[in-house]
Amino acid sequence: MKTKLYSILHEKCPYCHEGEFFISKNAFNLKKFDKQYESCSVCRSTYMPETGFYYGAMYVSYGLNIALGVALFILSNVIFDWGTTAFLILFVVSVMLTWTVIFRKSRLIWINLFVKYDKTKAPTKA
């Protein structure tokens, strides 16, 4: 059974879980990391329900960055006792290295909050 988590982790269409969501599979390709298809190549469902739909993904991105910061704070200050300066350096470097991945995942999380998997749109295996 395919879930929303499957769609998010594998960057698949939230409607049918078969088609690709982003044009480039590489999140670190800085020229194409944010380019996504207008619709699914398999079920033809649109990835842009309305103008400005993905503005809400900024809130998801903020939440993911806060979760990253909390995890790094626990790692650097509670477990290793490195101090605040080490935490800040670790956090800034981590955010700089993961911003493209967080951008993509936040868009996928956002659309999956509003879209349900529709097994009638998924292609049947013969």
PDB file of N, CA and C in Angstrom:
ATOM      1  N   MET A   1       0.848  -1.192   0.000  1.00  0.00           N
ATOM      2  CA  MET A   1       0.000   0.000   0.000  1.00  0.00           C
ATOM      3  C   MET A   1       0.888   1.248   0.000  1.00  0.00           C
ATOM      4  N   LYS A   2       0.625   2.116  -0.934  1.00  0.00           N
ATOM      5  CA  LYS A   2       1.402   3.343  -1.039  1.00  0.00           C
ATOM      6  C   LYS A   2       0.761   4.427  -0.180  1.00  0.00           C
ATOM      7  N   THR A   3       1.600   5.183   0.499  1.00  0.00           N
ATOM      8  CA  THR A   3       1.119   6.192   1.429  1.00  0.00           C
ATOM      9  C   THR A   3       1.627   7.571   1.027  1.00  0.00           C
ATOM     10  N   LYS A   4       1.189   8.580   1.760  1.00  0.00           N
ATOM     11  CA  LYS A   4       1.685   9.938   1.542  1.00  0.00           C
ATOM     12  C   LYS A   4       3.192   9.995   1.779  1.00  0.00           C
ATOM     13  N   LEU A   5       3.654   9.244   2.759  1.00  0.00           N
ATOM     14  CA  LEU A   5       5.079   9.196   3.056  1.00  0.00           C
ATOM     15  C   LEU A   5       5.856   8.644   1.852  1.00  0.00           C
ATOM     16  N   TYR A   6       5.296   7.664   1.165  1.00  0.00           N
ATOM     17  CA  TYR A   6       5.919   7.127  -0.045  1.00  0.00           C
ATOM     18  C   TYR A   6       6.054   8.220  -1.094  1.00  0.00           C
ATOM     19  N   SER A   7       4.990   8.976  -1.300  1.00  0.00           N
ATOM     20  CA  SER A   7       5.005  10.066  -2.279  1.00  0.00           C
ATOM     21  C   SER A   7       6.051  11.107  -1.924  1.00  0.00           C
ATOM     22  N   ILE A   8       6.183  11.435  -0.660  1.00  0.00           N
ATOM     23  CA  ILE A   8       7.138  12.458  -0.217  1.00  0.00           C
ATOM     24  C   ILE A   8       8.579  11.966  -0.345  1.00  0.00           C
ATOM     25  N   LEU A   9       8.848  10.776   0.144  1.00  0.00           N
ATOM     26  CA  LEU A   9      10.215  10.265   0.143  1.00  0.00           C
ATOM     27  C   LEU A   9      10.727   9.936  -1.259  1.00  0.00           C
ATOM     28  N   HIS A  10       9.835   9.446  -2.116  1.00  0.00           N
ATOM     29  CA  HIS A  10      10.244   9.056  -3.468  1.00  0.00           C
ATOM     30  C   HIS A  10       9.957  10.135  -4.515  1.00  0.00           C
ATOM     31  N   GLU A  11       9.425  11.273  -4.065  1.00  0.00           N
ATOM     32  CA  GLU A  11       9.118  12.420  -4.927  1.00  0.00           C
ATOM     33  C   GLU A  11       8.229  12.011  -6.098  1.00  0.00           C
ATOM     34  N   LYS A  12       7.123  11.355  -5.764  1.00  0.00           N
ATOM     35  CA  LYS A  12       6.176  10.868  -6.760  1.00  0.00           C
ATOM     36  C   LYS A  12       4.893  11.682  -6.724  1.00  0.00           C
ATOM     37  N   CYS A  13       4.092  11.513  -7.743  1.00  0.00           N
ATOM     38  CA  CYS A  13       2.797  12.187  -7.854  1.00  0.00           C
ATOM     39  C   CYS A  13       1.931  11.859  -6.633  1.00  0.00           C
ATOM     40  N   PRO A  14       1.342  12.852  -5.980  1.00  0.00           N
ATOM     41  CA  PRO A  14       0.514  12.577  -4.806  1.00  0.00           C
ATOM     42  C   PRO A  14      -0.823  11.913  -5.158  1.00  0.00           C
ATOM     43  N   TYR A  15      -1.231  11.979  -6.411  1.00  0.00           N
ATOM     44  CA  TYR A  15      -2.501  11.398  -6.840  1.00  0.00           C
ATOM     45  C   TYR A  15      -2.386   9.907  -7.136  1.00  0.00           C
ATOM     46  N   CYS A  16      -1.369   9.524  -7.926  1.00  0.00           N
ATOM     47  CA  CYS A  16      -1.255   8.130  -8.362  1.00  0.00           C
ATOM     48  C   CYS A  16      -0.004   7.425  -7.838  1.00  0.00           C
ATOM     49  N   HIS A  17       0.938   8.157  -7.287  1.00  0.00           N
ATOM     50  CA  HIS A  17       2.205   7.638  -6.750  1.00  0.00           C
ATOM     51  C   HIS A  17       3.056   6.952  -7.808  1.00  0.00           C
ATOM     52  N   GLU A  18       2.859   7.299  -9.061  1.00  0.00           N
ATOM     53  CA  GLU A  18       3.640   6.704 -10.139  1.00  0.00           C
ATOM     54  C   GLU A  18       4.510   7.733 -10.853  1.00  0.00           C
ATOM     55  N   GLY A  19       3.927   8.876 -11.261  1.00  0.00           N
ATOM     56  CA  GLY A  19       4.656   9.872 -12.028  1.00  0.00           C
ATOM     57  C   GLY A  19       5.636  10.662 -11.185  1.00  0.00           C
ATOM     58  N   GLU A  20       6.643  11.199 -11.841  1.00  0.00           N
ATOM     59  CA  GLU A  20       7.641  12.019 -11.163  1.00  0.00           C
ATOM     60  C   GLU A  20       7.060  13.401 -10.860  1.00  0.00           C
ATOM     61  N   PHE A  21       7.480  13.994  -9.754  1.00  0.00           N
ATOM     62  CA  PHE A  21       7.014  15.323  -9.353  1.00  0.00           C
ATOM     63  C   PHE A  21       7.959  16.408  -9.851  1.00  0.00           C
ATOM     64  N   PHE A  22       9.261  16.178  -9.704  1.00  0.00           N
ATOM     65  CA  PHE A  22      10.270  17.144 -10.128  1.00  0.00           C
ATOM     66  C   PHE A  22      10.929  16.682 -11.421  1.00  0.00           C
ATOM     67  N   ILE A  23      11.337  17.634 -12.238  1.00  0.00           N
ATOM     68  CA  ILE A  23      11.971  17.328 -13.515  1.00  0.00           C
ATOM     69  C   ILE A  23      13.321  16.651 -13.299  1.00  0.00           C
ATOM     70  N   SER A  24      14.122  17.178 -12.375  1.00  0.00           N
ATOM     71  CA  SER A  24      15.432  16.604 -12.081  1.00  0.00           C
ATOM     72  C   SER A  24      15.337  15.737 -10.832  1.00  0.00           C
ATOM     73  N   LYS A  25      15.921  14.552 -10.901  1.00  0.00           N
ATOM     74  CA  LYS A  25      15.942  13.685  -9.720  1.00  0.00           C
ATOM     75  C   LYS A  25      16.995  14.142  -8.714  1.00  0.00           C
ATOM     76  N   ASN A  26      17.933  14.975  -9.162  1.00  0.00           N
ATOM     77  CA  ASN A  26      19.035  15.432  -8.322  1.00  0.00           C
ATOM     78  C   ASN A  26      18.660  16.735  -7.625  1.00  0.00           C
ATOM     79  N   ALA A  27      18.518  16.690  -6.319  1.00  0.00           N
ATOM     80  CA  ALA A  27      18.163  17.890  -5.555  1.00  0.00           C
ATOM     81  C   ALA A  27      19.309  18.894  -5.492  1.00  0.00           C
ATOM     82  N   PHE A  28      20.508  18.472  -5.836  1.00  0.00           N
ATOM     83  CA  PHE A  28      21.655  19.359  -5.757  1.00  0.00           C
ATOM     84  C   PHE A  28      22.038  19.971  -7.110  1.00  0.00           C
ATOM     85  N   ASN A  29      21.218  19.743  -8.124  1.00  0.00           N
ATOM     86  CA  ASN A  29      21.399  20.402  -9.418  1.00  0.00           C
ATOM     87  C   ASN A  29      20.792  21.798  -9.290  1.00  0.00           C
ATOM     88  N   LEU A  30      21.623  22.791  -9.053  1.00  0.00           N
ATOM     89  CA  LEU A  30      21.132  24.127  -8.712  1.00  0.00           C
ATOM     90  C   LEU A  30      20.378  24.806  -9.846  1.00  0.00           C
ATOM     91  N   LYS A  31      20.515  24.343 -11.068  1.00  0.00           N
ATOM     92  CA  LYS A  31      19.775  24.932 -12.180  1.00  0.00           C
ATOM     93  C   LYS A  31      18.365  24.368 -12.298  1.00  0.00           C
ATOM     94  N   LYS A  32      18.149  23.144 -11.805  1.00  0.00           N
ATOM     95  CA  LYS A  32      16.862  22.483 -12.009  1.00  0.00           C
ATOM     96  C   LYS A  32      16.216  21.941 -10.739  1.00  0.00           C
ATOM     97  N   PHE A  33      16.796  22.174  -9.574  1.00  0.00           N
ATOM     98  CA  PHE A  33      16.273  21.543  -8.358  1.00  0.00           C
ATOM     99  C   PHE A  33      14.833  21.937  -8.056  1.00  0.00           C
ATOM    100  N   ASP A  34      14.419  23.152  -8.466  1.00  0.00           N
ATOM    101  CA  ASP A  34      13.078  23.642  -8.145  1.00  0.00           C
ATOM    102  C   ASP A  34      12.076  23.457  -9.275  1.00  0.00           C
ATOM    103  N   LYS A  35      12.506  22.941 -10.397  1.00  0.00           N
ATOM    104  CA  LYS A  35      11.610  22.778 -11.547  1.00  0.00           C
ATOM    105  C   LYS A  35      10.764  21.530 -11.360  1.00  0.00           C
ATOM    106  N   GLN A  36       9.465  21.710 -11.456  1.00  0.00           N
ATOM    107  CA  GLN A  36       8.572  20.571 -11.329  1.00  0.00           C
ATOM    108  C   GLN A  36       7.654  20.527 -12.545  1.00  0.00           C
ATOM    109  N   TYR A  37       7.123  19.350 -12.798  1.00  0.00           N
ATOM    110  CA  TYR A  37       6.198  19.188 -13.907  1.00  0.00           C
ATOM    111  C   TYR A  37       4.896  19.916 -13.603  1.00  0.00           C
ATOM    112  N   GLU A  38       4.208  20.364 -14.635  1.00  0.00           N
ATOM    113  CA  GLU A  38       2.908  21.012 -14.438  1.00  0.00           C
ATOM    114  C   GLU A  38       1.825  19.992 -14.101  1.00  0.00           C
ATOM    115  N   SER A  39       1.970  18.791 -14.645  1.00  0.00           N
ATOM    116  CA  SER A  39       1.010  17.728 -14.360  1.00  0.00           C
ATOM    117  C   SER A  39       1.728  16.386 -14.399  1.00  0.00           C
ATOM    118  N   CYS A  40       1.068  15.380 -13.894  1.00  0.00           N
ATOM    119  CA  CYS A  40       1.628  14.037 -13.827  1.00  0.00           C
ATOM    120  C   CYS A  40       1.644  13.423 -15.227  1.00  0.00           C
ATOM    121  N   SER A  41       2.742  12.778 -15.573  1.00  0.00           N
ATOM    122  CA  SER A  41       2.847  12.131 -16.877  1.00  0.00           C
ATOM    123  C   SER A  41       2.028  10.840 -16.942  1.00  0.00           C
ATOM    124  N   VAL A  42       1.637  10.312 -15.793  1.00  0.00           N
ATOM    125  CA  VAL A  42       0.891   9.051 -15.754  1.00  0.00           C
ATOM    126  C   VAL A  42      -0.621   9.299 -15.674  1.00  0.00           C
ATOM    127  N   CYS A  43      -1.073  10.077 -14.683  1.00  0.00           N
ATOM    128  CA  CYS A  43      -2.513  10.268 -14.470  1.00  0.00           C
ATOM    129  C   CYS A  43      -3.025  11.619 -14.956  1.00  0.00           C
ATOM    130  N   ARG A  44      -2.134  12.487 -15.393  1.00  0.00           N
ATOM    131  CA  ARG A  44      -2.473  13.814 -15.935  1.00  0.00           C
ATOM    132  C   ARG A  44      -3.071  14.773 -14.903  1.00  0.00           C
ATOM    133  N   SER A  45      -2.932  14.493 -13.631  1.00  0.00           N
ATOM    134  CA  SER A  45      -3.419  15.402 -12.585  1.00  0.00           C
ATOM    135  C   SER A  45      -2.482  16.594 -12.484  1.00  0.00           C
ATOM    136  N   THR A  46      -3.027  17.772 -12.234  1.00  0.00           N
ATOM    137  CA  THR A  46      -2.208  18.975 -12.169  1.00  0.00           C
ATOM    138  C   THR A  46      -1.509  19.094 -10.814  1.00  0.00           C
ATOM    139  N   TYR A  47      -0.288  19.590 -10.857  1.00  0.00           N
ATOM    140  CA  TYR A  47       0.486  19.810  -9.632  1.00  0.00           C
ATOM    141  C   TYR A  47       0.338  21.248  -9.126  1.00  0.00           C
ATOM    142  N   MET A  48      -0.420  22.069  -9.825  1.00  0.00           N
ATOM    143  CA  MET A  48      -0.628  23.458  -9.437  1.00  0.00           C
ATOM    144  C   MET A  48      -2.137  23.692  -9.293  1.00  0.00           C
ATOM    145  N   PRO A  49      -2.701  23.320  -8.124  1.00  0.00           N
ATOM    146  CA  PRO A  49      -4.148  23.448  -7.951  1.00  0.00           C
ATOM    147  C   PRO A  49      -4.665  24.875  -8.134  1.00  0.00           C
ATOM    148  N   GLU A  50      -3.889  25.861  -7.709  1.00  0.00           N
ATOM    149  CA  GLU A  50      -4.288  27.264  -7.874  1.00  0.00           C
ATOM    150  C   GLU A  50      -3.042  28.135  -7.808  1.00  0.00           C
ATOM    151  N   THR A  51      -3.191  29.365  -8.264  1.00  0.00           N
ATOM    152  CA  THR A  51      -2.072  30.305  -8.241  1.00  0.00           C
ATOM    153  C   THR A  51      -1.655  30.571  -6.798  1.00  0.00           C
ATOM    154  N   GLY A  52      -0.367  30.522  -6.541  1.00  0.00           N
ATOM    155  CA  GLY A  52       0.151  30.780  -5.203  1.00  0.00           C
ATOM    156  C   GLY A  52      -0.007  29.630  -4.234  1.00  0.00           C
ATOM    157  N   PHE A  53      -0.356  28.453  -4.731  1.00  0.00           N
ATOM    158  CA  PHE A  53      -0.604  27.303  -3.861  1.00  0.00           C
ATOM    159  C   PHE A  53       0.598  26.974  -2.982  1.00  0.00           C
ATOM    160  N   TYR A  54       1.793  27.058  -3.529  1.00  0.00           N
ATOM    161  CA  TYR A  54       2.983  26.622  -2.794  1.00  0.00           C
ATOM    162  C   TYR A  54       3.536  27.652  -1.825  1.00  0.00           C
ATOM    163  N   TYR A  55       2.885  28.788  -1.664  1.00  0.00           N
ATOM    164  CA  TYR A  55       3.334  29.735  -0.639  1.00  0.00           C
ATOM    165  C   TYR A  55       3.256  29.103   0.747  1.00  0.00           C
ATOM    166  N   GLY A  56       2.312  28.238   0.958  1.00  0.00           N
ATOM    167  CA  GLY A  56       2.177  27.556   2.245  1.00  0.00           C
ATOM    168  C   GLY A  56       3.329  26.616   2.542  1.00  0.00           C
ATOM    169  N   ALA A  57       4.043  26.196   1.488  1.00  0.00           N
ATOM    170  CA  ALA A  57       5.193  25.302   1.692  1.00  0.00           C
ATOM    171  C   ALA A  57       6.303  26.004   2.463  1.00  0.00           C
ATOM    172  N   MET A  58       6.269  27.343   2.475  1.00  0.00           N
ATOM    173  CA  MET A  58       7.279  28.074   3.256  1.00  0.00           C
ATOM    174  C   MET A  58       7.136  27.763   4.742  1.00  0.00           C
ATOM    175  N   TYR A  59       5.917  27.583   5.209  1.00  0.00           N
ATOM    176  CA  TYR A  59       5.696  27.251   6.616  1.00  0.00           C
ATOM    177  C   TYR A  59       6.216  25.855   6.927  1.00  0.00           C
ATOM    178  N   VAL A  60       6.031  24.935   5.990  1.00  0.00           N
ATOM    179  CA  VAL A  60       6.554  23.583   6.160  1.00  0.00           C
ATOM    180  C   VAL A  60       8.080  23.626   6.185  1.00  0.00           C
ATOM    181  N   SER A  61       8.672  24.400   5.295  1.00  0.00           N
ATOM    182  CA  SER A  61      10.121  24.554   5.246  1.00  0.00           C
ATOM    183  C   SER A  61      10.651  25.126   6.565  1.00  0.00           C
ATOM    184  N   TYR A  62       9.959  26.109   7.091  1.00  0.00           N
ATOM    185  CA  TYR A  62      10.333  26.692   8.383  1.00  0.00           C
ATOM    186  C   TYR A  62      10.307  25.620   9.471  1.00  0.00           C
ATOM    187  N   GLY A  63       9.259  24.819   9.488  1.00  0.00           N
ATOM    188  CA  GLY A  63       9.141  23.756  10.479  1.00  0.00           C
ATOM    189  C   GLY A  63      10.247  22.716  10.348  1.00  0.00           C
ATOM    190  N   LEU A  64      10.583  22.358   9.111  1.00  0.00           N
ATOM    191  CA  LEU A  64      11.663  21.394   8.904  1.00  0.00           C
ATOM    192  C   LEU A  64      13.004  21.961   9.367  1.00  0.00           C
ATOM    193  N   ASN A  65      13.233  23.244   9.117  1.00  0.00           N
ATOM    194  CA  ASN A  65      14.477  23.873   9.581  1.00  0.00           C
ATOM    195  C   ASN A  65      14.527  23.974  11.098  1.00  0.00           C
ATOM    196  N   ILE A  66      13.399  24.236  11.731  1.00  0.00           N
ATOM    197  CA  ILE A  66      13.349  24.255  13.200  1.00  0.00           C
ATOM    198  C   ILE A  66      13.644  22.862  13.746  1.00  0.00           C
ATOM    199  N   ALA A  67      13.066  21.822  13.135  1.00  0.00           N
ATOM    200  CA  ALA A  67      13.330  20.447  13.568  1.00  0.00           C
ATOM    201  C   ALA A  67      14.812  20.108  13.411  1.00  0.00           C
ATOM    202  N   LEU A  68      15.407  20.548  12.316  1.00  0.00           N
ATOM    203  CA  LEU A  68      16.843  20.346  12.107  1.00  0.00           C
ATOM    204  C   LEU A  68      17.643  21.059  13.188  1.00  0.00           C
ATOM    205  N   GLY A  69      17.254  22.288  13.503  1.00  0.00           N
ATOM    206  CA  GLY A  69      17.951  23.053  14.538  1.00  0.00           C
ATOM    207  C   GLY A  69      17.844  22.408  15.907  1.00  0.00           C
ATOM    208  N   VAL A  70      16.673  21.918  16.253  1.00  0.00           N
ATOM    209  CA  VAL A  70      16.487  21.264  17.555  1.00  0.00           C
ATOM    210  C   VAL A  70      17.329  19.984  17.625  1.00  0.00           C
ATOM    211  N   ALA A  71      17.317  19.207  16.538  1.00  0.00           N
ATOM    212  CA  ALA A  71      18.107  17.972  16.518  1.00  0.00           C
ATOM    213  C   ALA A  71      19.602  18.276  16.653  1.00  0.00           C
ATOM    214  N   LEU A  72      20.060  19.295  15.951  1.00  0.00           N
ATOM    215  CA  LEU A  72      21.481  19.654  16.035  1.00  0.00           C
ATOM    216  C   LEU A  72      21.835  20.240  17.396  1.00  0.00           C
ATOM    217  N   PHE A  73      20.901  20.975  18.002  1.00  0.00           N
ATOM    218  CA  PHE A  73      21.144  21.513  19.344  1.00  0.00           C
ATOM    219  C   PHE A  73      21.305  20.379  20.349  1.00  0.00           C
ATOM    220  N   ILE A  74      20.422  19.399  20.272  1.00  0.00           N
ATOM    221  CA  ILE A  74      20.508  18.247  21.182  1.00  0.00           C
ATOM    222  C   ILE A  74      21.814  17.501  20.949  1.00  0.00           C
ATOM    223  N   LEU A  75      22.159  17.317  19.677  1.00  0.00           N
ATOM    224  CA  LEU A  75      23.393  16.614  19.345  1.00  0.00           C
ATOM    225  C   LEU A  75      24.620  17.366  19.854  1.00  0.00           C
ATOM    226  N   SER A  76      24.686  18.663  19.600  1.00  0.00           N
ATOM    227  CA  SER A  76      25.904  19.416  19.928  1.00  0.00           C
ATOM    228  C   SER A  76      25.993  19.838  21.392  1.00  0.00           C
ATOM    229  N   ASN A  77      24.880  20.136  22.029  1.00  0.00           N
ATOM    230  CA  ASN A  77      24.944  20.642  23.405  1.00  0.00           C
ATOM    231  C   ASN A  77      24.608  19.607  24.464  1.00  0.00           C
ATOM    232  N   VAL A  78      23.677  18.736  24.189  1.00  0.00           N
ATOM    233  CA  VAL A  78      23.270  17.769  25.206  1.00  0.00           C
ATOM    234  C   VAL A  78      24.149  16.521  25.147  1.00  0.00           C
ATOM    235  N   ILE A  79      24.357  16.002  23.943  1.00  0.00           N
ATOM    236  CA  ILE A  79      25.113  14.753  23.825  1.00  0.00           C
ATOM    237  C   ILE A  79      26.621  14.998  23.877  1.00  0.00           C
ATOM    238  N   PHE A  80      27.129  15.956  23.076  1.00  0.00           N
ATOM    239  CA  PHE A  80      28.576  16.169  22.988  1.00  0.00           C
ATOM    240  C   PHE A  80      29.095  17.341  23.810  1.00  0.00           C
ATOM    241  N   ASP A  81      28.224  18.203  24.293  1.00  0.00           N
ATOM    242  CA  ASP A  81      28.610  19.359  25.114  1.00  0.00           C
ATOM    243  C   ASP A  81      29.668  20.229  24.417  1.00  0.00           C
ATOM    244  N   TRP A  82      29.382  20.591  23.139  1.00  0.00           N
ATOM    245  CA  TRP A  82      30.308  21.405  22.359  1.00  0.00           C
ATOM    246  C   TRP A  82      30.120  22.899  22.562  1.00  0.00           C
ATOM    247  N   GLY A  83      28.966  23.321  23.016  1.00  0.00           N
ATOM    248  CA  GLY A  83      28.722  24.736  23.253  1.00  0.00           C
ATOM    249  C   GLY A  83      27.906  25.389  22.140  1.00  0.00           C
ATOM    250  N   THR A  84      27.543  26.635  22.407  1.00  0.00           N
ATOM    251  CA  THR A  84      26.659  27.373  21.511  1.00  0.00           C
ATOM    252  C   THR A  84      27.316  27.738  20.185  1.00  0.00           C
ATOM    253  N   THR A  85      28.565  28.113  20.216  1.00  0.00           N
ATOM    254  CA  THR A  85      29.256  28.495  18.982  1.00  0.00           C
ATOM    255  C   THR A  85      29.334  27.317  18.015  1.00  0.00           C
ATOM    256  N   ALA A  86      29.668  26.161  18.518  1.00  0.00           N
ATOM    257  CA  ALA A  86      29.729  24.964  17.674  1.00  0.00           C
ATOM    258  C   ALA A  86      28.348  24.639  17.109  1.00  0.00           C
ATOM    259  N   PHE A  87      27.310  24.790  17.938  1.00  0.00           N
ATOM    260  CA  PHE A  87      25.948  24.555  17.456  1.00  0.00           C
ATOM    261  C   PHE A  87      25.598  25.504  16.314  1.00  0.00           C
ATOM    262  N   LEU A  88      25.904  26.790  16.476  1.00  0.00           N
ATOM    263  CA  LEU A  88      25.569  27.766  15.435  1.00  0.00           C
ATOM    264  C   LEU A  88      26.308  27.475  14.131  1.00  0.00           C
ATOM    265  N   ILE A  89      27.564  27.128  14.226  1.00  0.00           N
ATOM    266  CA  ILE A  89      28.332  26.789  13.019  1.00  0.00           C
ATOM    267  C   ILE A  89      27.750  25.539  12.366  1.00  0.00           C
ATOM    268  N   LEU A  90      27.484  24.535  13.171  1.00  0.00           N
ATOM    269  CA  LEU A  90      26.904  23.290  12.665  1.00  0.00           C
ATOM    270  C   LEU A  90      25.550  23.530  12.020  1.00  0.00           C
ATOM    271  N   PHE A  91      24.728  24.368  12.632  1.00  0.00           N
ATOM    272  CA  PHE A  91      23.397  24.660  12.094  1.00  0.00           C
ATOM    273  C   PHE A  91      23.472  25.416  10.775  1.00  0.00           C
ATOM    274  N   VAL A  92      24.296  26.442  10.720  1.00  0.00           N
ATOM    275  CA  VAL A  92      24.417  27.240   9.487  1.00  0.00           C
ATOM    276  C   VAL A  92      24.939  26.380   8.336  1.00  0.00           C
ATOM    277  N   VAL A  93      25.949  25.582   8.602  1.00  0.00           N
ATOM    278  CA  VAL A  93      26.496  24.710   7.560  1.00  0.00           C
ATOM    279  C   VAL A  93      25.454  23.685   7.117  1.00  0.00           C
ATOM    280  N   SER A  94      24.728  23.106   8.060  1.00  0.00           N
ATOM    281  CA  SER A  94      23.695  22.123   7.727  1.00  0.00           C
ATOM    282  C   SER A  94      22.577  22.731   6.891  1.00  0.00           C
ATOM    283  N   VAL A  95      22.136  23.917   7.234  1.00  0.00           N
ATOM    284  CA  VAL A  95      21.082  24.581   6.460  1.00  0.00           C
ATOM    285  C   VAL A  95      21.577  24.903   5.059  1.00  0.00           C
ATOM    286  N   MET A  96      22.817  25.347   4.946  1.00  0.00           N
ATOM    287  CA  MET A  96      23.361  25.662   3.623  1.00  0.00           C
ATOM    288  C   MET A  96      23.483  24.409   2.750  1.00  0.00           C
ATOM    289  N   LEU A  97      23.767  23.278   3.358  1.00  0.00           N
ATOM    290  CA  LEU A  97      23.913  22.040   2.598  1.00  0.00           C
ATOM    291  C   LEU A  97      22.581  21.375   2.253  1.00  0.00           C
ATOM    292  N   THR A  98      21.550  21.629   3.035  1.00  0.00           N
ATOM    293  CA  THR A  98      20.280  20.911   2.836  1.00  0.00           C
ATOM    294  C   THR A  98      19.132  21.777   2.333  1.00  0.00           C
ATOM    295  N   TRP A  99      19.367  23.027   1.982  1.00  0.00           N
ATOM    296  CA  TRP A  99      18.241  23.900   1.639  1.00  0.00           C
ATOM    297  C   TRP A  99      17.500  23.437   0.392  1.00  0.00           C
ATOM    298  N   THR A 100      18.196  22.849  -0.570  1.00  0.00           N
ATOM    299  CA  THR A 100      17.488  22.391  -1.776  1.00  0.00           C
ATOM    300  C   THR A 100      16.622  21.175  -1.468  1.00  0.00           C
ATOM    301  N   VAL A 101      17.120  20.293  -0.622  1.00  0.00           N
ATOM    302  CA  VAL A 101      16.350  19.109  -0.236  1.00  0.00           C
ATOM    303  C   VAL A 101      15.128  19.532   0.576  1.00  0.00           C
ATOM    304  N   ILE A 102      15.311  20.458   1.506  1.00  0.00           N
ATOM    305  CA  ILE A 102      14.196  20.939   2.325  1.00  0.00           C
ATOM    306  C   ILE A 102      13.165  21.658   1.459  1.00  0.00           C
ATOM    307  N   PHE A 103      13.606  22.415   0.463  1.00  0.00           N
ATOM    308  CA  PHE A 103      12.686  23.071  -0.464  1.00  0.00           C
ATOM    309  C   PHE A 103      11.796  22.042  -1.151  1.00  0.00           C
ATOM    310  N   ARG A 104      12.398  20.990  -1.684  1.00  0.00           N
ATOM    311  CA  ARG A 104      11.641  19.970  -2.413  1.00  0.00           C
ATOM    312  C   ARG A 104      10.697  19.210  -1.486  1.00  0.00           C
ATOM    313  N   LYS A 105      11.209  18.801  -0.335  1.00  0.00           N
ATOM    314  CA  LYS A 105      10.375  18.021   0.589  1.00  0.00           C
ATOM    315  C   LYS A 105       9.219  18.860   1.132  1.00  0.00           C
ATOM    316  N   SER A 106       9.439  20.141   1.358  1.00  0.00           N
ATOM    317  CA  SER A 106       8.357  20.978   1.875  1.00  0.00           C
ATOM    318  C   SER A 106       7.245  21.129   0.839  1.00  0.00           C
ATOM    319  N   ARG A 107       7.580  21.226  -0.436  1.00  0.00           N
ATOM    320  CA  ARG A 107       6.546  21.274  -1.490  1.00  0.00           C
ATOM    321  C   ARG A 107       5.762  19.973  -1.544  1.00  0.00           C
ATOM    322  N   LEU A 108       6.466  18.859  -1.433  1.00  0.00           N
ATOM    323  CA  LEU A 108       5.782  17.569  -1.463  1.00  0.00           C
ATOM    324  C   LEU A 108       4.904  17.364  -0.235  1.00  0.00           C
ATOM    325  N   ILE A 109       5.389  17.760   0.924  1.00  0.00           N
ATOM    326  CA  ILE A 109       4.570  17.653   2.138  1.00  0.00           C
ATOM    327  C   ILE A 109       3.337  18.531   2.001  1.00  0.00           C
ATOM    328  N   TRP A 110       3.510  19.748   1.488  1.00  0.00           N
ATOM    329  CA  TRP A 110       2.396  20.684   1.369  1.00  0.00           C
ATOM    330  C   TRP A 110       1.304  20.148   0.449  1.00  0.00           C
ATOM    331  N   ILE A 111       1.672  19.658  -0.727  1.00  0.00           N
ATOM    332  CA  ILE A 111       0.646  19.156  -1.644  1.00  0.00           C
ATOM    333  C   ILE A 111       0.013  17.875  -1.104  1.00  0.00           C
ATOM    334  N   ASN A 112       0.781  17.058  -0.386  1.00  0.00           N
ATOM    335  CA  ASN A 112       0.223  15.829   0.174  1.00  0.00           C
ATOM    336  C   ASN A 112      -0.734  16.093   1.332  1.00  0.00           C
ATOM    337  N   LEU A 113      -0.667  17.289   1.925  1.00  0.00           N
ATOM    338  CA  LEU A 113      -1.643  17.635   2.964  1.00  0.00           C
ATOM    339  C   LEU A 113      -3.040  17.830   2.369  1.00  0.00           C
ATOM    340  N   PHE A 114      -3.103  18.202   1.110  1.00  0.00           N
ATOM    341  CA  PHE A 114      -4.377  18.559   0.486  1.00  0.00           C
ATOM    342  C   PHE A 114      -4.862  17.568  -0.560  1.00  0.00           C
ATOM    343  N   VAL A 115      -4.032  16.626  -0.929  1.00  0.00           N
ATOM    344  CA  VAL A 115      -4.373  15.692  -2.000  1.00  0.00           C
ATOM    345  C   VAL A 115      -4.394  14.276  -1.446  1.00  0.00           C
ATOM    346  N   LYS A 116      -5.375  13.502  -1.867  1.00  0.00           N
ATOM    347  CA  LYS A 116      -5.464  12.111  -1.442  1.00  0.00           C
ATOM    348  C   LYS A 116      -5.079  11.198  -2.593  1.00  0.00           C
ATOM    349  N   TYR A 117      -4.467  10.094  -2.247  1.00  0.00           N
ATOM    350  CA  TYR A 117      -4.150   9.071  -3.230  1.00  0.00           C
ATOM    351  C   TYR A 117      -5.445   8.530  -3.810  1.00  0.00           C
ATOM    352  N   ASP A 118      -5.496   8.424  -5.117  1.00  0.00           N
ATOM    353  CA  ASP A 118      -6.693   7.926  -5.806  1.00  0.00           C
ATOM    354  C   ASP A 118      -6.301   6.707  -6.607  1.00  0.00           C
ATOM    355  N   LYS A 119      -6.698   5.529  -6.112  1.00  0.00           N
ATOM    356  CA  LYS A 119      -6.268   4.298  -6.790  1.00  0.00           C
ATOM    357  C   LYS A 119      -6.865   4.154  -8.179  1.00  0.00           C
ATOM    358  N   THR A 120      -7.923   4.902  -8.466  1.00  0.00           N
ATOM    359  CA  THR A 120      -8.487   4.860  -9.824  1.00  0.00           C
ATOM    360  C   THR A 120      -7.594   5.579 -10.822  1.00  0.00           C
ATOM    361  N   LYS A 121      -6.748   6.481 -10.328  1.00  0.00           N
ATOM    362  CA  LYS A 121      -5.818   7.188 -11.211  1.00  0.00           C
ATOM    363  C   LYS A 121      -4.520   6.422 -11.411  1.00  0.00           C
ATOM    364  N   ALA A 122      -4.246   5.485 -10.513  1.00  0.00           N
ATOM    365  CA  ALA A 122      -3.019   4.698 -10.626  1.00  0.00           C
ATOM    366  C   ALA A 122      -3.178   3.697 -11.767  1.00  0.00           C
ATOM    367  N   PRO A 123      -2.137   3.539 -12.567  1.00  0.00           N
ATOM    368  CA  PRO A 123      -2.224   2.592 -13.678  1.00  0.00           C
ATOM    369  C   PRO A 123      -2.304   1.164 -13.163  1.00  0.00           C
ATOM    370  N   THR A 124      -3.046   0.345 -13.856  1.00  0.00           N
ATOM    371  CA  THR A 124      -3.171  -1.060 -13.458  1.00  0.00           C
ATOM    372  C   THR A 124      -2.033  -1.861 -14.083  1.00  0.00           C
ATOM    373  N   LYS A 125      -1.493  -2.752 -13.314  1.00  0.00           N
ATOM    374  CA  LYS A 125      -0.402  -3.626 -13.795  1.00  0.00           C
ATOM    375  C   LYS A 125      -1.016  -4.819 -14.494  1.00  0.00           C
ATOM    376  N   ALA A 126      -0.576  -5.051 -15.705  1.00  0.00           N
ATOM    377  CA  ALA A 126      -1.120  -6.177 -16.479  1.00  0.00           C
ATOM    378  C   ALA A 126      -0.257  -7.394 -16.358  1.00  0.00           C
TER     379      ALA A 126
END
